[in-house]
Amino acid sequence: MDSAGQDINLNSPNKGLLSDSMTDVPVGTGVAARTPAVEGLTEAEEEELRAELTKVEEEIVTLRQVLAAKERHCGELKRRLGLSTLGGLKQNLSRSWHDMQVSNAYRKTQETLSQAGQKTSAALSTVGSAISRKLGDMRNSATFKSFEDRVGTIKSKVVGDRENGSDSLPSSAGSGDKPLSDPAPF
């Protein structure tokens, strides 16, 4: 029976074909090679263990081939159904996101952050009110009133001169009272 060279899946479209990506593990060499007998084993026990090892290695090769055939068949079915790996990934991510959102840890974290945001908002509002109140108090202080009066006096001197008719700029020497001609039509 040469089961190592054939696909044993009876429903597979690739029945009897070897996978291109699979390589056979040589049974006669490697681990199963002749080594000196381990102390305490008779020659018959050693032969029995070697036969069992060979059988297990053959089963491993067969199982790898079956798995490869199943994976090819699965891929073909997905292709025929129009399922892509990107679609499956999107679906898995969506499902995982939903599962996370309904978890207790997410809900507790969300509630905690919401409360922290509300408390921060209230604290900032309180700080803003305190600053406004302090600025109002400062404006009503004697020092600020004195400063405001001095600025007002300077402003009235600067603006007062303009109101008295000395608003025009000094004329340049030699220009006289002639208005400047404006050649631009607009």
C-alpha atoms as a PDB file:
ATOM      1  CA  MET A   1       0.000   0.000   0.000  1.00  0.00           C
ATOM      2  CA  ASP A   2       1.582   3.276  -1.114  1.00  0.00           C
ATOM      3  CA  SER A   3      -0.559   5.687   0.933  1.00  0.00           C
ATOM      4  CA  ALA A   4       2.306   8.194   1.247  1.00  0.00           C
ATOM      5  CA  GLY A   5       2.061   8.999  -2.467  1.00  0.00           C
ATOM      6  CA  GLN A   6      -1.704   9.404  -2.739  1.00  0.00           C
ATOM      7  CA  ASP A   7      -4.371  11.747  -1.389  1.00  0.00           C
ATOM      8  CA  ILE A   8      -6.584   9.603   0.833  1.00  0.00           C
ATOM      9  CA  ASN A   9      -9.446  12.107   0.997  1.00  0.00           C
ATOM     10  CA  LEU A  10     -12.136  10.443  -1.115  1.00  0.00           C
ATOM     11  CA  ASN A  11     -14.046  13.726  -1.577  1.00  0.00           C
ATOM     12  CA  SER A  12     -11.030  15.709  -2.702  1.00  0.00           C
ATOM     13  CA  PRO A  13     -10.889  16.963  -6.303  1.00  0.00           C
ATOM     14  CA  ASN A  14      -7.144  16.285  -6.176  1.00  0.00           C
ATOM     15  CA  LYS A  15      -7.464  12.600  -5.354  1.00  0.00           C
ATOM     16  CA  GLY A  16      -4.166  10.799  -5.836  1.00  0.00           C
ATOM     17  CA  LEU A  17      -2.069  13.957  -6.396  1.00  0.00           C
ATOM     18  CA  LEU A  18       0.866  14.966  -4.255  1.00  0.00           C
ATOM     19  CA  SER A  19       1.117  18.521  -3.010  1.00  0.00           C
ATOM     20  CA  ASP A  20       3.767  20.611  -4.726  1.00  0.00           C
ATOM     21  CA  SER A  21       4.707  22.217  -1.415  1.00  0.00           C
ATOM     22  CA  MET A  22       4.982  18.951   0.496  1.00  0.00           C
ATOM     23  CA  THR A  23       8.198  17.016   0.730  1.00  0.00           C
ATOM     24  CA  ASP A  24       8.483  13.472   1.903  1.00  0.00           C
ATOM     25  CA  VAL A  25      10.502  12.782   4.989  1.00  0.00           C
ATOM     26  CA  PRO A  26      12.879   9.935   4.259  1.00  0.00           C
ATOM     27  CA  VAL A  27      12.060   7.034   6.520  1.00  0.00           C
ATOM     28  CA  GLY A  28      15.242   5.029   6.156  1.00  0.00           C
ATOM     29  CA  THR A  29      17.563   7.856   7.244  1.00  0.00           C
ATOM     30  CA  GLY A  30      17.582  10.462   9.976  1.00  0.00           C
ATOM     31  CA  VAL A  31      16.104   9.376  13.292  1.00  0.00           C
ATOM     32  CA  ALA A  32      15.507   5.824  12.193  1.00  0.00           C
ATOM     33  CA  ALA A  33      19.154   5.313  11.163  1.00  0.00           C
ATOM     34  CA  ARG A  34      21.082   2.557  12.876  1.00  0.00           C
ATOM     35  CA  THR A  35      22.643   3.681  16.103  1.00  0.00           C
ATOM     36  CA  PRO A  36      24.261   1.622  18.768  1.00  0.00           C
ATOM     37  CA  ALA A  37      21.737  -0.180  20.944  1.00  0.00           C
ATOM     38  CA  VAL A  38      20.674   1.625  24.072  1.00  0.00           C
ATOM     39  CA  GLU A  39      21.759  -0.173  27.197  1.00  0.00           C
ATOM     40  CA  GLY A  40      19.050  -2.350  28.643  1.00  0.00           C
ATOM     41  CA  LEU A  41      17.288  -3.073  25.323  1.00  0.00           C
ATOM     42  CA  THR A  42      17.444  -6.410  23.666  1.00  0.00           C
ATOM     43  CA  GLU A  43      17.893  -6.619  19.929  1.00  0.00           C
ATOM     44  CA  ALA A  44      14.257  -7.700  19.506  1.00  0.00           C
ATOM     45  CA  GLU A  45      12.981  -4.709  21.530  1.00  0.00           C
ATOM     46  CA  GLU A  46      15.124  -2.368  19.473  1.00  0.00           C
ATOM     47  CA  GLU A  47      13.768  -3.805  16.212  1.00  0.00           C
ATOM     48  CA  GLU A  48      10.208  -3.472  17.537  1.00  0.00           C
ATOM     49  CA  LEU A  49      10.792   0.203  18.498  1.00  0.00           C
ATOM     50  CA  ARG A  50      12.377   0.916  15.095  1.00  0.00           C
ATOM     51  CA  ALA A  51       9.382  -0.611  13.322  1.00  0.00           C
ATOM     52  CA  GLU A  52       6.987   1.465  15.433  1.00  0.00           C
ATOM     53  CA  LEU A  53       9.043   4.615  14.718  1.00  0.00           C
ATOM     54  CA  THR A  54       8.900   3.923  10.974  1.00  0.00           C
ATOM     55  CA  LYS A  55       5.136   3.429  11.177  1.00  0.00           C
ATOM     56  CA  VAL A  56       4.635   6.711  13.099  1.00  0.00           C
ATOM     57  CA  GLU A  57       6.806   8.624  10.592  1.00  0.00           C
ATOM     58  CA  GLU A  58       4.741   7.233   7.708  1.00  0.00           C
ATOM     59  CA  GLU A  59       1.537   8.289   9.474  1.00  0.00           C
ATOM     60  CA  ILE A  60       2.939  11.805   9.929  1.00  0.00           C
ATOM     61  CA  VAL A  61       3.673  12.060   6.196  1.00  0.00           C
ATOM     62  CA  THR A  62       0.169  10.812   5.382  1.00  0.00           C
ATOM     63  CA  LEU A  63      -1.441  13.272   7.796  1.00  0.00           C
ATOM     64  CA  ARG A  64       0.534  16.150   6.274  1.00  0.00           C
ATOM     65  CA  GLN A  65      -0.705  15.193   2.837  1.00  0.00           C
ATOM     66  CA  VAL A  66      -4.294  14.912   4.051  1.00  0.00           C
ATOM     67  CA  LEU A  67      -4.052  18.299   5.752  1.00  0.00           C
ATOM     68  CA  ALA A  68      -2.633  19.915   2.599  1.00  0.00           C
ATOM     69  CA  ALA A  69      -5.455  18.405   0.518  1.00  0.00           C
ATOM     70  CA  LYS A  70      -8.076  19.625   3.008  1.00  0.00           C
ATOM     71  CA  GLU A  71      -6.581  23.131   2.970  1.00  0.00           C
ATOM     72  CA  ARG A  72      -6.649  23.203  -0.848  1.00  0.00           C
ATOM     73  CA  HIS A  73     -10.250  21.973  -0.849  1.00  0.00           C
ATOM     74  CA  CYS A  74     -11.221  24.577   1.757  1.00  0.00           C
ATOM     75  CA  GLY A  75      -9.581  27.323  -0.303  1.00  0.00           C
ATOM     76  CA  GLU A  76     -11.406  26.172  -3.425  1.00  0.00           C
ATOM     77  CA  LEU A  77     -14.757  26.165  -1.602  1.00  0.00           C
ATOM     78  CA  LYS A  78     -14.141  29.661  -0.247  1.00  0.00           C
ATOM     79  CA  ARG A  79     -13.158  30.881  -3.709  1.00  0.00           C
ATOM     80  CA  ARG A  80     -16.294  29.405  -5.263  1.00  0.00           C
ATOM     81  CA  LEU A  81     -18.449  30.969  -2.541  1.00  0.00           C
ATOM     82  CA  GLY A  82     -16.807  34.354  -3.063  1.00  0.00           C
ATOM     83  CA  LEU A  83     -15.335  34.454   0.403  1.00  0.00           C
ATOM     84  CA  SER A  84     -12.039  36.267   0.582  1.00  0.00           C
ATOM     85  CA  THR A  85      -9.531  36.396   3.369  1.00  0.00           C
ATOM     86  CA  LEU A  86     -10.086  40.150   3.605  1.00  0.00           C
ATOM     87  CA  GLY A  87     -13.828  39.644   4.071  1.00  0.00           C
ATOM     88  CA  GLY A  88     -13.213  37.042   6.735  1.00  0.00           C
ATOM     89  CA  LEU A  89     -10.729  39.311   8.468  1.00  0.00           C
ATOM     90  CA  LYS A  90     -13.211  42.199   8.439  1.00  0.00           C
ATOM     91  CA  GLN A  91     -15.900  39.946   9.848  1.00  0.00           C
ATOM     92  CA  ASN A  92     -13.581  38.661  12.588  1.00  0.00           C
ATOM     93  CA  LEU A  93     -12.506  42.192  13.527  1.00  0.00           C
ATOM     94  CA  SER A  94     -16.107  43.381  13.617  1.00  0.00           C
ATOM     95  CA  ARG A  95     -17.122  40.460  15.796  1.00  0.00           C
ATOM     96  CA  SER A  96     -14.132  41.006  18.105  1.00  0.00           C
ATOM     97  CA  TRP A  97     -14.893  44.740  18.406  1.00  0.00           C
ATOM     98  CA  HIS A  98     -18.508  43.976  19.298  1.00  0.00           C
ATOM     99  CA  ASP A  99     -17.451  41.354  21.844  1.00  0.00           C
ATOM    100  CA  MET A 100     -15.045  43.827  23.413  1.00  0.00           C
ATOM    101  CA  GLN A 101     -17.706  46.545  23.629  1.00  0.00           C
ATOM    102  CA  VAL A 102     -20.119  44.297  25.496  1.00  0.00           C
ATOM    103  CA  SER A 103     -17.444  43.090  27.915  1.00  0.00           C
ATOM    104  CA  ASN A 104     -17.591  44.188  31.542  1.00  0.00           C
ATOM    105  CA  ALA A 105     -14.067  45.603  31.462  1.00  0.00           C
ATOM    106  CA  TYR A 106     -14.909  47.864  28.502  1.00  0.00           C
ATOM    107  CA  ARG A 107     -18.117  49.077  30.139  1.00  0.00           C
ATOM    108  CA  LYS A 108     -16.364  49.850  33.427  1.00  0.00           C
ATOM    109  CA  THR A 109     -13.575  51.679  31.621  1.00  0.00           C
ATOM    110  CA  GLN A 110     -16.074  53.656  29.572  1.00  0.00           C
ATOM    111  CA  GLU A 111     -18.034  54.643  32.700  1.00  0.00           C
ATOM    112  CA  THR A 112     -14.847  55.649  34.520  1.00  0.00           C
ATOM    113  CA  LEU A 113     -13.647  57.787  31.610  1.00  0.00           C
ATOM    114  CA  SER A 114     -17.069  59.392  31.298  1.00  0.00           C
ATOM    115  CA  GLN A 115     -17.073  60.298  34.996  1.00  0.00           C
ATOM    116  CA  ALA A 116     -13.517  61.619  34.733  1.00  0.00           C
ATOM    117  CA  GLY A 117     -14.550  63.793  31.784  1.00  0.00           C
ATOM    118  CA  GLN A 118     -17.512  65.205  33.680  1.00  0.00           C
ATOM    119  CA  LYS A 119     -15.354  65.956  36.711  1.00  0.00           C
ATOM    120  CA  THR A 120     -12.695  67.582  34.542  1.00  0.00           C
ATOM    121  CA  SER A 121     -15.320  69.720  32.831  1.00  0.00           C
ATOM    122  CA  ALA A 122     -16.713  70.821  36.195  1.00  0.00           C
ATOM    123  CA  ALA A 123     -13.211  71.597  37.484  1.00  0.00           C
ATOM    124  CA  LEU A 124     -12.349  73.682  34.409  1.00  0.00           C
ATOM    125  CA  SER A 125     -15.622  75.557  34.747  1.00  0.00           C
ATOM    126  CA  THR A 126     -14.829  76.299  38.381  1.00  0.00           C
ATOM    127  CA  VAL A 127     -11.313  77.484  37.479  1.00  0.00           C
ATOM    128  CA  GLY A 128     -12.743  79.718  34.731  1.00  0.00           C
ATOM    129  CA  SER A 129     -15.228  81.259  37.149  1.00  0.00           C
ATOM    130  CA  ALA A 130     -12.491  81.842  39.722  1.00  0.00           C
ATOM    131  CA  ILE A 131     -10.265  83.546  37.140  1.00  0.00           C
ATOM    132  CA  SER A 132     -13.139  85.769  36.000  1.00  0.00           C
ATOM    133  CA  ARG A 133     -13.918  86.693  39.581  1.00  0.00           C
ATOM    134  CA  LYS A 134     -10.230  87.500  40.309  1.00  0.00           C
ATOM    135  CA  LEU A 135      -9.967  89.650  37.165  1.00  0.00           C
ATOM    136  CA  GLY A 136     -13.121  91.496  38.219  1.00  0.00           C
ATOM    137  CA  ASP A 137     -11.703  92.056  41.691  1.00  0.00           C
ATOM    138  CA  MET A 138      -8.425  93.242  40.210  1.00  0.00           C
ATOM    139  CA  ARG A 139     -10.229  95.696  37.928  1.00  0.00           C
ATOM    140  CA  ASN A 140     -11.992  97.181  40.925  1.00  0.00           C
ATOM    141  CA  SER A 141      -8.748  97.551  42.891  1.00  0.00           C
ATOM    142  CA  ALA A 142      -7.163 100.957  43.583  1.00  0.00           C
ATOM    143  CA  THR A 143      -3.988 100.063  41.694  1.00  0.00           C
ATOM    144  CA  PHE A 144      -5.875  99.164  38.529  1.00  0.00           C
ATOM    145  CA  LYS A 145      -8.039 102.314  38.817  1.00  0.00           C
ATOM    146  CA  SER A 146      -4.878 104.438  39.093  1.00  0.00           C
ATOM    147  CA  PHE A 147      -3.356 102.689  36.056  1.00  0.00           C
ATOM    148  CA  GLU A 148      -6.621 103.077  34.089  1.00  0.00           C
ATOM    149  CA  ASP A 149      -6.736 106.798  34.909  1.00  0.00           C
ATOM    150  CA  ARG A 150      -3.153 107.294  33.700  1.00  0.00           C
ATOM    151  CA  VAL A 151      -3.834 105.435  30.434  1.00  0.00           C
ATOM    152  CA  GLY A 152      -6.996 107.522  29.990  1.00  0.00           C
ATOM    153  CA  THR A 153      -5.026 110.741  30.491  1.00  0.00           C
ATOM    154  CA  ILE A 154      -2.428 109.730  27.906  1.00  0.00           C
ATOM    155  CA  LYS A 155      -5.173 108.713  25.480  1.00  0.00           C
ATOM    156  CA  SER A 156      -7.010 111.987  25.878  1.00  0.00           C
ATOM    157  CA  LYS A 157      -3.799 113.908  25.158  1.00  0.00           C
ATOM    158  CA  VAL A 158      -3.166 111.894  21.986  1.00  0.00           C
ATOM    159  CA  VAL A 159      -6.757 111.809  20.769  1.00  0.00           C
ATOM    160  CA  GLY A 160      -7.571 115.279  22.047  1.00  0.00           C
ATOM    161  CA  ASP A 161      -5.017 116.835  19.699  1.00  0.00           C
ATOM    162  CA  ARG A 162      -6.721 115.221  16.715  1.00  0.00           C
ATOM    163  CA  GLU A 163     -10.134 116.478  17.812  1.00  0.00           C
ATOM    164  CA  ASN A 164      -8.846 120.048  17.985  1.00  0.00           C
ATOM    165  CA  GLY A 165      -8.090 120.128  14.268  1.00  0.00           C
ATOM    166  CA  SER A 166      -4.459 119.146  14.260  1.00  0.00           C
ATOM    167  CA  ASP A 167      -5.498 115.858  12.787  1.00  0.00           C
ATOM    168  CA  SER A 168      -3.715 116.474   9.469  1.00  0.00           C
ATOM    169  CA  LEU A 169      -0.208 115.405   8.846  1.00  0.00           C
ATOM    170  CA  PRO A 170       2.403 118.106   8.535  1.00  0.00           C
ATOM    171  CA  SER A 171       2.864 119.075   4.907  1.00  0.00           C
ATOM    172  CA  SER A 172       6.209 118.762   3.239  1.00  0.00           C
ATOM    173  CA  ALA A 173       8.208 121.918   2.530  1.00  0.00           C
ATOM    174  CA  GLY A 174       7.577 123.438  -0.871  1.00  0.00           C
ATOM    175  CA  SER A 175       4.264 121.729  -1.512  1.00  0.00           C
ATOM    176  CA  GLY A 176       2.167 124.669  -0.285  1.00  0.00           C
ATOM    177  CA  ASP A 177      -1.559 124.388  -0.196  1.00  0.00           C
ATOM    178  CA  LYS A 178      -1.754 122.643  -3.538  1.00  0.00           C
ATOM    179  CA  PRO A 179      -3.694 119.379  -3.410  1.00  0.00           C
ATOM    180  CA  LEU A 180      -1.866 116.397  -4.717  1.00  0.00           C
ATOM    181  CA  SER A 181      -3.074 115.273  -8.098  1.00  0.00           C
ATOM    182  CA  ASP A 182      -4.231 111.680  -8.328  1.00  0.00           C
ATOM    183  CA  PRO A 183      -3.620 110.359 -11.839  1.00  0.00           C
ATOM    184  CA  ALA A 184      -5.302 107.019 -11.128  1.00  0.00           C
ATOM    185  CA  PRO A 185      -8.925 106.927 -12.369  1.00  0.00           C
ATOM    186  CA  PHE A 186     -10.089 104.732  -9.532  1.00  0.00           C
END
